[in-house]
PDB file of N, CA and C in Angstrom:
ATOM      1  N   MET A   1     129.945 116.944 117.485  1.00  0.00           N
ATOM      2  CA  MET A   1     128.615 117.091 116.468  1.00  0.00           C
ATOM      3  C   MET A   1     128.343 118.368 115.657  1.00  0.00           C
ATOM      4  N   ALA A   2     128.554 119.264 116.572  1.00  0.00           N
ATOM      5  CA  ALA A   2     128.055 120.878 116.201  1.00  0.00           C
ATOM      6  C   ALA A   2     128.917 121.162 115.050  1.00  0.00           C
ATOM      7  N   ILE A   3     130.370 120.749 115.372  1.00  0.00           N
ATOM      8  CA  ILE A   3     131.298 121.249 114.119  1.00  0.00           C
ATOM      9  C   ILE A   3     130.986 120.451 112.672  1.00  0.00           C
ATOM     10  N   PHE A   4     130.584 119.250 113.067  1.00  0.00           N
ATOM     11  CA  PHE A   4     129.995 118.562 111.854  1.00  0.00           C
ATOM     12  C   PHE A   4     129.037 119.126 111.070  1.00  0.00           C
ATOM     13  N   LEU A   5     127.891 119.666 111.916  1.00  0.00           N
ATOM     14  CA  LEU A   5     126.907 120.200 111.420  1.00  0.00           C
ATOM     15  C   LEU A   5     127.145 121.455 110.688  1.00  0.00           C
ATOM     16  N   ARG A   6     128.106 122.346 111.429  1.00  0.00           N
ATOM     17  CA  ARG A   6     128.427 123.414 110.693  1.00  0.00           C
ATOM     18  C   ARG A   6     129.156 123.090 109.509  1.00  0.00           C
ATOM     19  N   LEU A   7     129.923 122.377 109.425  1.00  0.00           N
ATOM     20  CA  LEU A   7     130.559 121.995 108.104  1.00  0.00           C
ATOM     21  C   LEU A   7     129.634 121.627 107.143  1.00  0.00           C
ATOM     22  N   MET A   8     128.775 120.751 107.630  1.00  0.00           N
ATOM     23  CA  MET A   8     127.773 120.293 106.442  1.00  0.00           C
ATOM     24  C   MET A   8     126.996 121.507 105.810  1.00  0.00           C
ATOM     25  N   LEU A   9     126.838 122.335 106.705  1.00  0.00           N
ATOM     26  CA  LEU A   9     125.975 123.668 106.333  1.00  0.00           C
ATOM     27  C   LEU A   9     126.738 124.503 105.265  1.00  0.00           C
ATOM     28  N   ILE A  10     128.191 124.446 105.154  1.00  0.00           N
ATOM     29  CA  ILE A  10     128.700 125.092 104.367  1.00  0.00           C
ATOM     30  C   ILE A  10     129.092 124.065 103.087  1.00  0.00           C
ATOM     31  N   LEU A  11     129.364 122.637 103.178  1.00  0.00           N
ATOM     32  CA  LEU A  11     129.801 121.804 102.142  1.00  0.00           C
ATOM     33  C   LEU A  11     128.621 121.402 101.100  1.00  0.00           C
ATOM     34  N   ILE A  12     127.279 121.379 101.690  1.00  0.00           N
ATOM     35  CA  ILE A  12     126.209 120.967 100.974  1.00  0.00           C
ATOM     36  C   ILE A  12     126.007 121.855  99.791  1.00  0.00           C
ATOM     37  N   PRO A  13     125.904 123.140 100.079  1.00  0.00           N
ATOM     38  CA  PRO A  13     125.670 124.211  98.864  1.00  0.00           C
ATOM     39  C   PRO A  13     126.849 124.222  98.064  1.00  0.00           C
ATOM     40  N   ILE A  14     128.239 123.984  98.522  1.00  0.00           N
ATOM     41  CA  ILE A  14     129.183 123.961  97.427  1.00  0.00           C
ATOM     42  C   ILE A  14     129.112 122.879  96.828  1.00  0.00           C
ATOM     43  N   ALA A  15     128.703 121.541  97.248  1.00  0.00           N
ATOM     44  CA  ALA A  15     128.518 120.434  96.306  1.00  0.00           C
ATOM     45  C   ALA A  15     127.378 120.597  95.351  1.00  0.00           C
ATOM     46  N   ALA A  16     126.225 121.089  95.906  1.00  0.00           N
ATOM     47  CA  ALA A  16     125.296 121.471  94.910  1.00  0.00           C
ATOM     48  C   ALA A  16     125.778 122.408  93.743  1.00  0.00           C
ATOM     49  N   LEU A  17     126.357 123.293  94.039  1.00  0.00           N
ATOM     50  CA  LEU A  17     126.995 124.275  93.146  1.00  0.00           C
ATOM     51  C   LEU A  17     127.862 123.568  92.221  1.00  0.00           C
ATOM     52  N   LEU A  18     128.898 122.737  92.547  1.00  0.00           N
ATOM     53  CA  LEU A  18     129.624 121.850  91.765  1.00  0.00           C
ATOM     54  C   LEU A  18     128.554 120.977  90.891  1.00  0.00           C
ATOM     55  N   MET A  19     127.743 120.440  91.290  1.00  0.00           N
ATOM     56  CA  MET A  19     127.070 119.485  90.607  1.00  0.00           C
ATOM     57  C   MET A  19     126.216 120.269  89.393  1.00  0.00           C
ATOM     58  N   TRP A  20     125.498 121.504  89.798  1.00  0.00           N
ATOM     59  CA  TRP A  20     125.043 122.352  88.808  1.00  0.00           C
ATOM     60  C   TRP A  20     125.824 122.739  87.881  1.00  0.00           C
ATOM     61  N   LEU A  21     127.010 123.136  88.083  1.00  0.00           N
ATOM     62  CA  LEU A  21     128.333 123.726  87.095  1.00  0.00           C
ATOM     63  C   LEU A  21     128.615 122.453  86.242  1.00  0.00           C
ATOM     64  N   ARG A  22     128.883 121.331  86.861  1.00  0.00           N
ATOM     65  CA  ARG A  22     129.223 120.414  85.873  1.00  0.00           C
ATOM     66  C   ARG A  22     128.158 120.015  84.973  1.00  0.00           C
ATOM     67  N   TRP A  23     126.895 120.048  85.288  1.00  0.00           N
ATOM     68  CA  TRP A  23     125.813 119.912  84.431  1.00  0.00           C
ATOM     69  C   TRP A  23     125.847 120.602  83.242  1.00  0.00           C
ATOM     70  N   ARG A  24     126.041 121.979  83.869  1.00  0.00           N
ATOM     71  CA  ARG A  24     125.895 122.921  82.720  1.00  0.00           C
ATOM     72  C   ARG A  24     126.924 123.027  81.836  1.00  0.00           C
ATOM     73  N   MET A  25     128.283 122.613  82.314  1.00  0.00           N
ATOM     74  CA  MET A  25     129.276 122.561  81.284  1.00  0.00           C
ATOM     75  C   MET A  25     129.366 121.573  80.283  1.00  0.00           C
ATOM     76  N   LYS A  26     128.712 120.315  81.012  1.00  0.00           N
ATOM     77  CA  LYS A  26     128.429 119.279  79.689  1.00  0.00           C
ATOM     78  C   LYS A  26     127.465 119.680  78.612  1.00  0.00           C
ATOM     79  N   ARG A  27     126.527 120.143  79.300  1.00  0.00           N
ATOM     80  CA  ARG A  27     125.576 120.631  78.369  1.00  0.00           C
ATOM     81  C   ARG A  27     125.829 121.457  77.265  1.00  0.00           C
ATOM     82  N   ASP A  28     126.732 122.591  77.676  1.00  0.00           N
ATOM     83  CA  ASP A  28     127.222 123.679  76.682  1.00  0.00           C
ATOM     84  C   ASP A  28     128.331 123.973  76.086  1.00  0.00           C
ATOM     85  N   LEU A  29     129.289 123.242  76.555  1.00  0.00           N
ATOM     86  CA  LEU A  29     130.754 123.321  76.024  1.00  0.00           C
ATOM     87  C   LEU A  29     131.438 122.231  75.366  1.00  0.00           C
ATOM     88  N   ASP A  30     132.163 122.373  74.460  1.00  0.00           N
ATOM     89  CA  ASP A  30     132.859 121.319  73.798  1.00  0.00           C
ATOM     90  C   ASP A  30     133.860 120.718  74.637  1.00  0.00           C
ATOM     91  N   GLU A  31     134.564 119.664  74.468  1.00  0.00           N
ATOM     92  CA  GLU A  31     135.383 118.963  75.382  1.00  0.00           C
ATOM     93  C   GLU A  31     136.775 119.561  75.934  1.00  0.00           C
ATOM     94  N   GLU A  32     137.518 120.231  75.034  1.00  0.00           N
ATOM     95  CA  GLU A  32     138.352 120.792  75.523  1.00  0.00           C
ATOM     96  C   GLU A  32     138.244 122.006  76.384  1.00  0.00           C
ATOM     97  N   THR A  33     137.365 122.923  76.046  1.00  0.00           N
ATOM     98  CA  THR A  33     136.968 123.972  76.954  1.00  0.00           C
ATOM     99  C   THR A  33     136.446 123.681  78.138  1.00  0.00           C
ATOM    100  N   ARG A  34     135.620 122.397  78.025  1.00  0.00           N
ATOM    101  CA  ARG A  34     135.113 121.911  79.314  1.00  0.00           C
ATOM    102  C   ARG A  34     135.956 121.172  80.279  1.00  0.00           C
ATOM    103  N   ASN A  35     137.198 120.655  79.937  1.00  0.00           N
ATOM    104  CA  ASN A  35     138.081 120.093  80.700  1.00  0.00           C
ATOM    105  C   ASN A  35     138.902 121.192  81.482  1.00  0.00           C
ATOM    106  N   ALA A  36     138.919 122.351  80.574  1.00  0.00           N
ATOM    107  CA  ALA A  36     139.926 123.519  81.251  1.00  0.00           C
ATOM    108  C   ALA A  36     139.091 124.297  82.288  1.00  0.00           C
ATOM    109  N   GLU A  37     137.732 124.336  81.967  1.00  0.00           N
ATOM    110  CA  GLU A  37     136.793 125.013  82.973  1.00  0.00           C
ATOM    111  C   GLU A  37     136.695 124.164  84.253  1.00  0.00           C
ATOM    112  N   PHE A  38     136.388 122.741  83.954  1.00  0.00           N
ATOM    113  CA  PHE A  38     135.946 121.971  85.083  1.00  0.00           C
ATOM    114  C   PHE A  38     137.534 121.869  86.135  1.00  0.00           C
ATOM    115  N   LYS A  39     138.586 121.886  85.397  1.00  0.00           N
ATOM    116  CA  LYS A  39     140.157 121.818  86.234  1.00  0.00           C
ATOM    117  C   LYS A  39     139.983 123.157  86.946  1.00  0.00           C
ATOM    118  N   ARG A  40     139.825 124.300  86.409  1.00  0.00           N
ATOM    119  CA  ARG A  40     139.790 125.398  87.190  1.00  0.00           C
ATOM    120  C   ARG A  40     139.013 125.384  88.358  1.00  0.00           C
ATOM    121  N   LEU A  41     137.552 125.213  88.071  1.00  0.00           N
ATOM    122  CA  LEU A  41     136.865 124.996  89.097  1.00  0.00           C
ATOM    123  C   LEU A  41     137.089 123.933  90.329  1.00  0.00           C
ATOM    124  N   ARG A  42     137.595 122.981  89.908  1.00  0.00           N
ATOM    125  CA  ARG A  42     138.145 121.849  90.745  1.00  0.00           C
ATOM    126  C   ARG A  42     139.304 122.196  91.878  1.00  0.00           C
ATOM    127  N   VAL A  43     140.124 123.071  91.108  1.00  0.00           N
ATOM    128  CA  VAL A  43     140.927 123.622  91.898  1.00  0.00           C
ATOM    129  C   VAL A  43     140.535 124.663  92.823  1.00  0.00           C
ATOM    130  N   GLY A  44     139.779 125.685  92.361  1.00  0.00           N
ATOM    131  CA  GLY A  44     138.972 126.441  93.184  1.00  0.00           C
ATOM    132  C   GLY A  44     138.277 125.950  94.458  1.00  0.00           C
ATOM    133  N   MET A  45     137.222 125.083  94.136  1.00  0.00           N
ATOM    134  CA  MET A  45     136.740 124.354  95.187  1.00  0.00           C
ATOM    135  C   MET A  45     137.428 123.664  96.168  1.00  0.00           C
ATOM    136  N   THR A  46     138.409 122.816  95.510  1.00  0.00           N
ATOM    137  CA  THR A  46     139.471 122.157  96.539  1.00  0.00           C
ATOM    138  C   THR A  46     139.902 123.223  97.429  1.00  0.00           C
ATOM    139  N   ALA A  47     140.509 124.256  96.843  1.00  0.00           N
ATOM    140  CA  ALA A  47     140.967 125.409  97.983  1.00  0.00           C
ATOM    141  C   ALA A  47     139.990 125.892  98.985  1.00  0.00           C
ATOM    142  N   LEU A  48     138.950 125.986  98.612  1.00  0.00           N
ATOM    143  CA  LEU A  48     137.789 126.652  99.546  1.00  0.00           C
ATOM    144  C   LEU A  48     137.349 125.513 100.294  1.00  0.00           C
ATOM    145  N   VAL A  49     137.489 124.304 100.008  1.00  0.00           N
ATOM    146  CA  VAL A  49     136.937 123.062 101.023  1.00  0.00           C
ATOM    147  C   VAL A  49     138.179 123.268 102.205  1.00  0.00           C
ATOM    148  N   VAL A  50     139.336 123.041 101.468  1.00  0.00           N
ATOM    149  CA  VAL A  50     140.697 123.148 102.232  1.00  0.00           C
ATOM    150  C   VAL A  50     140.690 124.319 103.424  1.00  0.00           C
ATOM    151  N   VAL A  51     140.400 125.462 102.803  1.00  0.00           N
ATOM    152  CA  VAL A  51     140.465 126.426 103.779  1.00  0.00           C
ATOM    153  C   VAL A  51     139.241 126.520 104.921  1.00  0.00           C
ATOM    154  N   THR A  52     138.305 126.122 104.489  1.00  0.00           N
ATOM    155  CA  THR A  52     136.990 125.792 105.448  1.00  0.00           C
ATOM    156  C   THR A  52     137.299 124.613 106.519  1.00  0.00           C
ATOM    157  N   LEU A  53     137.828 123.546 105.903  1.00  0.00           N
ATOM    158  CA  LEU A  53     138.191 122.615 107.075  1.00  0.00           C
ATOM    159  C   LEU A  53     139.472 122.908 107.929  1.00  0.00           C
ATOM    160  N   ALA A  54     140.429 123.698 107.439  1.00  0.00           N
ATOM    161  CA  ALA A  54     141.337 124.033 108.182  1.00  0.00           C
ATOM    162  C   ALA A  54     140.851 125.226 109.549  1.00  0.00           C
ATOM    163  N   THR A  55     140.050 126.079 108.879  1.00  0.00           N
ATOM    164  CA  THR A  55     139.373 126.730 109.765  1.00  0.00           C
ATOM    165  C   THR A  55     138.451 126.159 110.774  1.00  0.00           C
ATOM    166  N   GLY A  56     137.652 125.518 110.336  1.00  0.00           N
ATOM    167  CA  GLY A  56     136.991 124.273 111.292  1.00  0.00           C
ATOM    168  C   GLY A  56     137.918 123.842 112.457  1.00  0.00           C
ATOM    169  N   LEU A  57     138.850 123.139 111.937  1.00  0.00           N
ATOM    170  CA  LEU A  57     139.835 122.354 112.977  1.00  0.00           C
ATOM    171  C   LEU A  57     140.473 123.519 113.677  1.00  0.00           C
ATOM    172  N   GLY A  58     140.843 124.807 113.241  1.00  0.00           N
ATOM    173  CA  GLY A  58     141.457 125.596 114.042  1.00  0.00           C
ATOM    174  C   GLY A  58     140.808 126.190 115.235  1.00  0.00           C
ATOM    175  N   LEU A  59     139.405 126.011 114.700  1.00  0.00           N
ATOM    176  CA  LEU A  59     138.349 126.746 115.716  1.00  0.00           C
ATOM    177  C   LEU A  59     138.141 125.565 116.499  1.00  0.00           C
ATOM    178  N   ARG A  60     138.190 124.358 116.477  1.00  0.00           N
ATOM    179  CA  ARG A  60     138.076 123.278 117.370  1.00  0.00           C
ATOM    180  C   ARG A  60     139.377 122.940 118.247  1.00  0.00           C
ATOM    181  N   PHE A  61     140.149 122.867 117.683  1.00  0.00           N
ATOM    182  CA  PHE A  61     141.457 122.384 118.693  1.00  0.00           C
ATOM    183  C   PHE A  61     142.243 123.852 119.356  1.00  0.00           C
ATOM    184  N   ILE A  62     142.084 124.883 118.741  1.00  0.00           N
ATOM    185  CA  ILE A  62     142.544 125.971 119.459  1.00  0.00           C
ATOM    186  C   ILE A  62     141.531 126.818 120.365  1.00  0.00           C
ATOM    187  N   ASP A  63     141.364 126.163 121.473  1.00  0.00           N
ATOM    188  CA  ASP A  63     140.382 126.602 122.441  1.00  0.00           C
ATOM    189  C   ASP A  63     140.986 127.165 123.659  1.00  0.00           C
ATOM    190  N   ASP A  64     140.620 128.157 123.957  1.00  0.00           N
ATOM    191  CA  ASP A  64     141.428 128.724 125.427  1.00  0.00           C
ATOM    192  C   ASP A  64     140.347 128.533 126.333  1.00  0.00           C
ATOM    193  N   GLY A  65     139.243 127.706 126.430  1.00  0.00           N
ATOM    194  CA  GLY A  65     138.576 127.214 127.443  1.00  0.00           C
ATOM    195  C   GLY A  65     137.511 128.450 127.960  1.00  0.00           C
ATOM    196  N   ALA A  66     137.718 129.615 127.259  1.00  0.00           N
ATOM    197  CA  ALA A  66     136.695 130.763 127.565  1.00  0.00           C
ATOM    198  C   ALA A  66     135.259 130.366 127.187  1.00  0.00           C
ATOM    199  N   GLY A  67     134.371 130.553 128.046  1.00  0.00           N
ATOM    200  CA  GLY A  67     132.867 130.327 127.712  1.00  0.00           C
ATOM    201  C   GLY A  67     132.393 128.909 127.964  1.00  0.00           C
ATOM    202  N   ASP A  68     133.289 127.967 128.742  1.00  0.00           N
ATOM    203  CA  ASP A  68     132.831 126.639 128.952  1.00  0.00           C
ATOM    204  C   ASP A  68     131.595 126.827 129.557  1.00  0.00           C
ATOM    205  N   VAL A  69     130.780 125.623 129.777  1.00  0.00           N
ATOM    206  CA  VAL A  69     129.695 125.635 130.232  1.00  0.00           C
ATOM    207  C   VAL A  69     129.748 125.496 131.896  1.00  0.00           C
ATOM    208  N   ASP A  70     131.019 125.210 132.415  1.00  0.00           N
ATOM    209  CA  ASP A  70     131.018 125.202 133.722  1.00  0.00           C
ATOM    210  C   ASP A  70     131.847 126.282 134.294  1.00  0.00           C
ATOM    211  N   SER A  71     131.906 127.324 133.752  1.00  0.00           N
ATOM    212  CA  SER A  71     132.450 128.729 133.983  1.00  0.00           C
ATOM    213  C   SER A  71     131.375 129.906 133.720  1.00  0.00           C
ATOM    214  N   ILE A  72     131.765 130.825 134.791  1.00  0.00           N
ATOM    215  CA  ILE A  72     131.166 132.347 134.714  1.00  0.00           C
ATOM    216  C   ILE A  72     131.941 133.419 134.154  1.00  0.00           C
ATOM    217  N   TYR A  73     131.242 134.045 133.461  1.00  0.00           N
ATOM    218  CA  TYR A  73     132.135 135.396 133.035  1.00  0.00           C
ATOM    219  C   TYR A  73     131.920 136.611 134.026  1.00  0.00           C
ATOM    220  N   VAL A  74     133.049 137.269 134.504  1.00  0.00           N
ATOM    221  CA  VAL A  74     133.209 138.131 135.227  1.00  0.00           C
ATOM    222  C   VAL A  74     133.683 139.417 134.381  1.00  0.00           C
ATOM    223  N   PRO A  75     132.498 140.126 134.260  1.00  0.00           N
ATOM    224  CA  PRO A  75     132.473 141.084 133.118  1.00  0.00           C
ATOM    225  C   PRO A  75     133.875 142.380 133.616  1.00  0.00           C
ATOM    226  N   ALA A  76     134.189 143.099 132.603  1.00  0.00           N
ATOM    227  CA  ALA A  76     135.174 144.248 132.838  1.00  0.00           C
ATOM    228  C   ALA A  76     134.824 145.184 133.788  1.00  0.00           C
ATOM    229  N   ARG A  77     135.751 145.774 134.366  1.00  0.00           N
ATOM    230  CA  ARG A  77     135.187 146.892 135.298  1.00  0.00           C
ATOM    231  C   ARG A  77     136.599 147.964 135.240  1.00  0.00           C
ATOM    232  N   VAL A  78     136.082 149.128 136.030  1.00  0.00           N
ATOM    233  CA  VAL A  78     137.103 150.079 136.261  1.00  0.00           C
ATOM    234  C   VAL A  78     137.480 150.070 137.640  1.00  0.00           C
ATOM    235  N   GLU A  79     138.794 149.950 137.987  1.00  0.00           N
ATOM    236  CA  GLU A  79     139.442 150.226 139.406  1.00  0.00           C
ATOM    237  C   GLU A  79     140.657 151.125 139.330  1.00  0.00           C
ATOM    238  N   ASP A  80     140.496 152.302 139.987  1.00  0.00           N
ATOM    239  CA  ASP A  80     141.474 153.215 140.135  1.00  0.00           C
ATOM    240  C   ASP A  80     141.727 153.784 138.975  1.00  0.00           C
ATOM    241  N   GLY A  81     140.847 154.022 138.098  1.00  0.00           N
ATOM    242  CA  GLY A  81     141.084 154.594 136.997  1.00  0.00           C
ATOM    243  C   GLY A  81     141.558 153.752 135.703  1.00  0.00           C
ATOM    244  N   LYS A  82     141.721 152.366 136.072  1.00  0.00           N
ATOM    245  CA  LYS A  82     142.428 151.366 134.988  1.00  0.00           C
ATOM    246  C   LYS A  82     141.194 150.493 134.749  1.00  0.00           C
ATOM    247  N   VAL A  83     141.260 150.018 133.407  1.00  0.00           N
ATOM    248  CA  VAL A  83     140.384 149.004 133.117  1.00  0.00           C
ATOM    249  C   VAL A  83     140.706 147.425 133.184  1.00  0.00           C
ATOM    250  N   ILE A  84     140.070 146.913 133.801  1.00  0.00           N
ATOM    251  CA  ILE A  84     140.218 145.491 134.220  1.00  0.00           C
ATOM    252  C   ILE A  84     139.446 144.635 133.240  1.00  0.00           C
ATOM    253  N   PRO A  85     140.271 143.951 132.342  1.00  0.00           N
ATOM    254  CA  PRO A  85     139.352 143.247 131.238  1.00  0.00           C
ATOM    255  C   PRO A  85     138.433 142.057 131.805  1.00  0.00           C
ATOM    256  N   GLY A  86     137.513 141.835 131.097  1.00  0.00           N
ATOM    257  CA  GLY A  86     136.668 140.646 131.639  1.00  0.00           C
ATOM    258  C   GLY A  86     137.592 139.407 131.435  1.00  0.00           C
ATOM    259  N   TYR A  87     136.994 138.315 132.427  1.00  0.00           N
ATOM    260  CA  TYR A  87     137.525 137.102 132.343  1.00  0.00           C
ATOM    261  C   TYR A  87     136.471 135.812 132.736  1.00  0.00           C
ATOM    262  N   TYR A  88     136.978 134.638 132.536  1.00  0.00           N
ATOM    263  CA  TYR A  88     135.983 133.349 133.059  1.00  0.00           C
ATOM    264  C   TYR A  88     136.708 132.848 134.473  1.00  0.00           C
ATOM    265  N   ILE A  89     135.794 132.522 135.289  1.00  0.00           N
ATOM    266  CA  ILE A  89     136.266 131.673 136.310  1.00  0.00           C
ATOM    267  C   ILE A  89     135.747 130.566 136.287  1.00  0.00           C
ATOM    268  N   PRO A  90     136.077 129.455 137.058  1.00  0.00           N
ATOM    269  CA  PRO A  90     135.468 128.059 137.125  1.00  0.00           C
ATOM    270  C   PRO A  90     134.302 128.354 138.014  1.00  0.00           C
ATOM    271  N   LYS A  91     133.205 127.581 137.587  1.00  0.00           N
ATOM    272  CA  LYS A  91     132.033 127.781 138.758  1.00  0.00           C
ATOM    273  C   LYS A  91     131.958 127.325 140.140  1.00  0.00           C
ATOM    274  N   ASP A  92     133.181 126.346 140.168  1.00  0.00           N
ATOM    275  CA  ASP A  92     133.279 125.881 141.375  1.00  0.00           C
ATOM    276  C   ASP A  92     133.919 126.964 142.456  1.00  0.00           C
ATOM    277  N   ASP A  93     134.762 127.808 141.839  1.00  0.00           N
ATOM    278  CA  ASP A  93     135.346 128.984 142.418  1.00  0.00           C
ATOM    279  C   ASP A  93     134.112 129.803 143.365  1.00  0.00           C
ATOM    280  N   VAL A  94     133.384 129.980 142.382  1.00  0.00           N
ATOM    281  CA  VAL A  94     132.334 131.043 142.893  1.00  0.00           C
ATOM    282  C   VAL A  94     131.340 130.523 143.920  1.00  0.00           C
ATOM    283  N   GLU A  95     130.930 129.245 143.766  1.00  0.00           N
ATOM    284  CA  GLU A  95     130.328 128.306 144.891  1.00  0.00           C
ATOM    285  C   GLU A  95     131.025 128.264 146.148  1.00  0.00           C
ATOM    286  N   GLU A  96     132.253 128.096 146.093  1.00  0.00           N
ATOM    287  CA  GLU A  96     133.277 128.126 147.352  1.00  0.00           C
ATOM    288  C   GLU A  96     133.063 129.319 148.062  1.00  0.00           C
ATOM    289  N   LYS A  97     133.378 130.479 147.240  1.00  0.00           N
ATOM    290  CA  LYS A  97     133.301 131.784 147.640  1.00  0.00           C
ATOM    291  C   LYS A  97     131.975 132.066 148.510  1.00  0.00           C
ATOM    292  N   ASP A  98     130.885 131.772 147.617  1.00  0.00           N
ATOM    293  CA  ASP A  98     129.468 132.002 148.201  1.00  0.00           C
ATOM    294  C   ASP A  98     129.304 131.243 149.670  1.00  0.00           C
ATOM    295  N   ASP A  99     129.734 130.132 149.679  1.00  0.00           N
ATOM    296  CA  ASP A  99     129.866 129.371 151.062  1.00  0.00           C
ATOM    297  C   ASP A  99     130.633 129.983 152.234  1.00  0.00           C
ATOM    298  N   GLU A 100     131.665 130.529 151.696  1.00  0.00           N
ATOM    299  CA  GLU A 100     132.444 131.121 152.850  1.00  0.00           C
ATOM    300  C   GLU A 100     131.893 132.443 153.291  1.00  0.00           C
ATOM    301  N   GLU A 101     131.467 133.102 152.551  1.00  0.00           N
ATOM    302  CA  GLU A 101     130.559 134.450 152.821  1.00  0.00           C
ATOM    303  C   GLU A 101     129.437 134.135 153.787  1.00  0.00           C
ATOM    304  N   ALA A 102     128.557 132.919 153.438  1.00  0.00           N
ATOM    305  CA  ALA A 102     127.538 132.701 154.091  1.00  0.00           C
ATOM    306  C   ALA A 102     127.898 132.060 155.558  1.00  0.00           C
ATOM    307  N   ASP A 103     128.947 131.565 155.823  1.00  0.00           N
ATOM    308  CA  ASP A 103     129.545 130.829 156.863  1.00  0.00           C
ATOM    309  C   ASP A 103     130.156 131.850 157.927  1.00  0.00           C
ATOM    310  N   PRO A 104     129.412 132.266 159.086  1.00  0.00           N
ATOM    311  CA  PRO A 104     129.651 133.345 159.808  1.00  0.00           C
ATOM    312  C   PRO A 104     131.139 132.718 160.729  1.00  0.00           C
ATOM    313  N   ASP A 105     131.168 131.671 160.961  1.00  0.00           N
ATOM    314  CA  ASP A 105     132.406 130.908 161.547  1.00  0.00           C
ATOM    315  C   ASP A 105     133.714 131.359 160.943  1.00  0.00           C
ATOM    316  N   LYS A 106     133.710 131.680 159.431  1.00  0.00           N
ATOM    317  CA  LYS A 106     134.819 131.833 159.005  1.00  0.00           C
ATOM    318  C   LYS A 106     135.079 133.420 158.749  1.00  0.00           C
ATOM    319  N   GLY A 107     134.215 134.409 159.302  1.00  0.00           N
ATOM    320  CA  GLY A 107     134.367 135.509 159.246  1.00  0.00           C
ATOM    321  C   GLY A 107     134.142 136.087 157.782  1.00  0.00           C
ATOM    322  N   GLY A 108     133.034 135.439 157.144  1.00  0.00           N
ATOM    323  CA  GLY A 108     132.711 135.859 155.895  1.00  0.00           C
ATOM    324  C   GLY A 108     131.697 137.041 155.966  1.00  0.00           C
ATOM    325  N   GLY A 109     131.164 137.557 157.148  1.00  0.00           N
ATOM    326  CA  GLY A 109     130.398 138.695 157.055  1.00  0.00           C
ATOM    327  C   GLY A 109     128.825 138.587 156.574  1.00  0.00           C
ATOM    328  N   GLY A 110     128.419 137.271 156.819  1.00  0.00           N
ATOM    329  CA  GLY A 110     127.232 136.826 156.427  1.00  0.00           C
ATOM    330  C   GLY A 110     126.236 137.171 157.637  1.00  0.00           C
ATOM    331  N   ALA A 111     125.019 136.969 157.218  1.00  0.00           N
ATOM    332  CA  ALA A 111     124.015 137.397 158.233  1.00  0.00           C
ATOM    333  C   ALA A 111     124.236 136.511 159.476  1.00  0.00           C
ATOM    334  N   GLY A 112     123.994 137.065 160.744  1.00  0.00           N
ATOM    335  CA  GLY A 112     124.130 136.261 161.659  1.00  0.00           C
ATOM    336  C   GLY A 112     125.683 136.123 162.260  1.00  0.00           C
ATOM    337  N   GLY A 113     126.475 136.861 161.750  1.00  0.00           N
ATOM    338  CA  GLY A 113     127.825 136.874 162.350  1.00  0.00           C
ATOM    339  C   GLY A 113     128.106 137.454 163.511  1.00  0.00           C
ATOM    340  N   THR A 114     129.015 137.405 164.405  1.00  0.00           N
ATOM    341  CA  THR A 114     129.154 138.370 165.582  1.00  0.00           C
ATOM    342  C   THR A 114     129.690 139.708 165.213  1.00  0.00           C
ATOM    343  N   PRO A 115     128.940 140.695 165.672  1.00  0.00           N
ATOM    344  CA  PRO A 115     129.270 142.399 165.559  1.00  0.00           C
ATOM    345  C   PRO A 115     130.687 142.481 166.051  1.00  0.00           C
ATOM    346  N   ASN A 116     131.409 143.264 165.310  1.00  0.00           N
ATOM    347  CA  ASN A 116     132.598 143.860 165.600  1.00  0.00           C
ATOM    348  C   ASN A 116     132.816 145.067 166.505  1.00  0.00           C
TER     349      ASN A 116
END
C-alpha cells in the first residue's frame, strides 16, 4: 500500500501537468504544431512514467531484508584495528541470547550464578 501511495504522489502532479499543457496547447497553437508538441510531450511523459514504475518495482522486489520490522541493527564497530560493518540480525536471535545470559545453569554469567 505504501508503494502505491508513493507512486500516486509522483503520478498525480505529472497528470496535472499533462492536463494543463494539453489545455494550453489546444488554446494557443495551430493543429500541426499542436500534434508535434503533444507527441513529443507524450513520449517524454511516457518515458518518465516507465522509469518511475521501474524504479518503484525495483525497490519493491529487490529487497535484501535489511531493516525489517522483526530485525535489530548491530552498528559498525572497530575490533583489532579493523572496521566491522553494521548488519541486521533477527530479533529472535537477540532474545535467545538474552535468555541464555540470564540463565545461570547454562553458564551465561548472569546474576546469581555460581562463583568460579
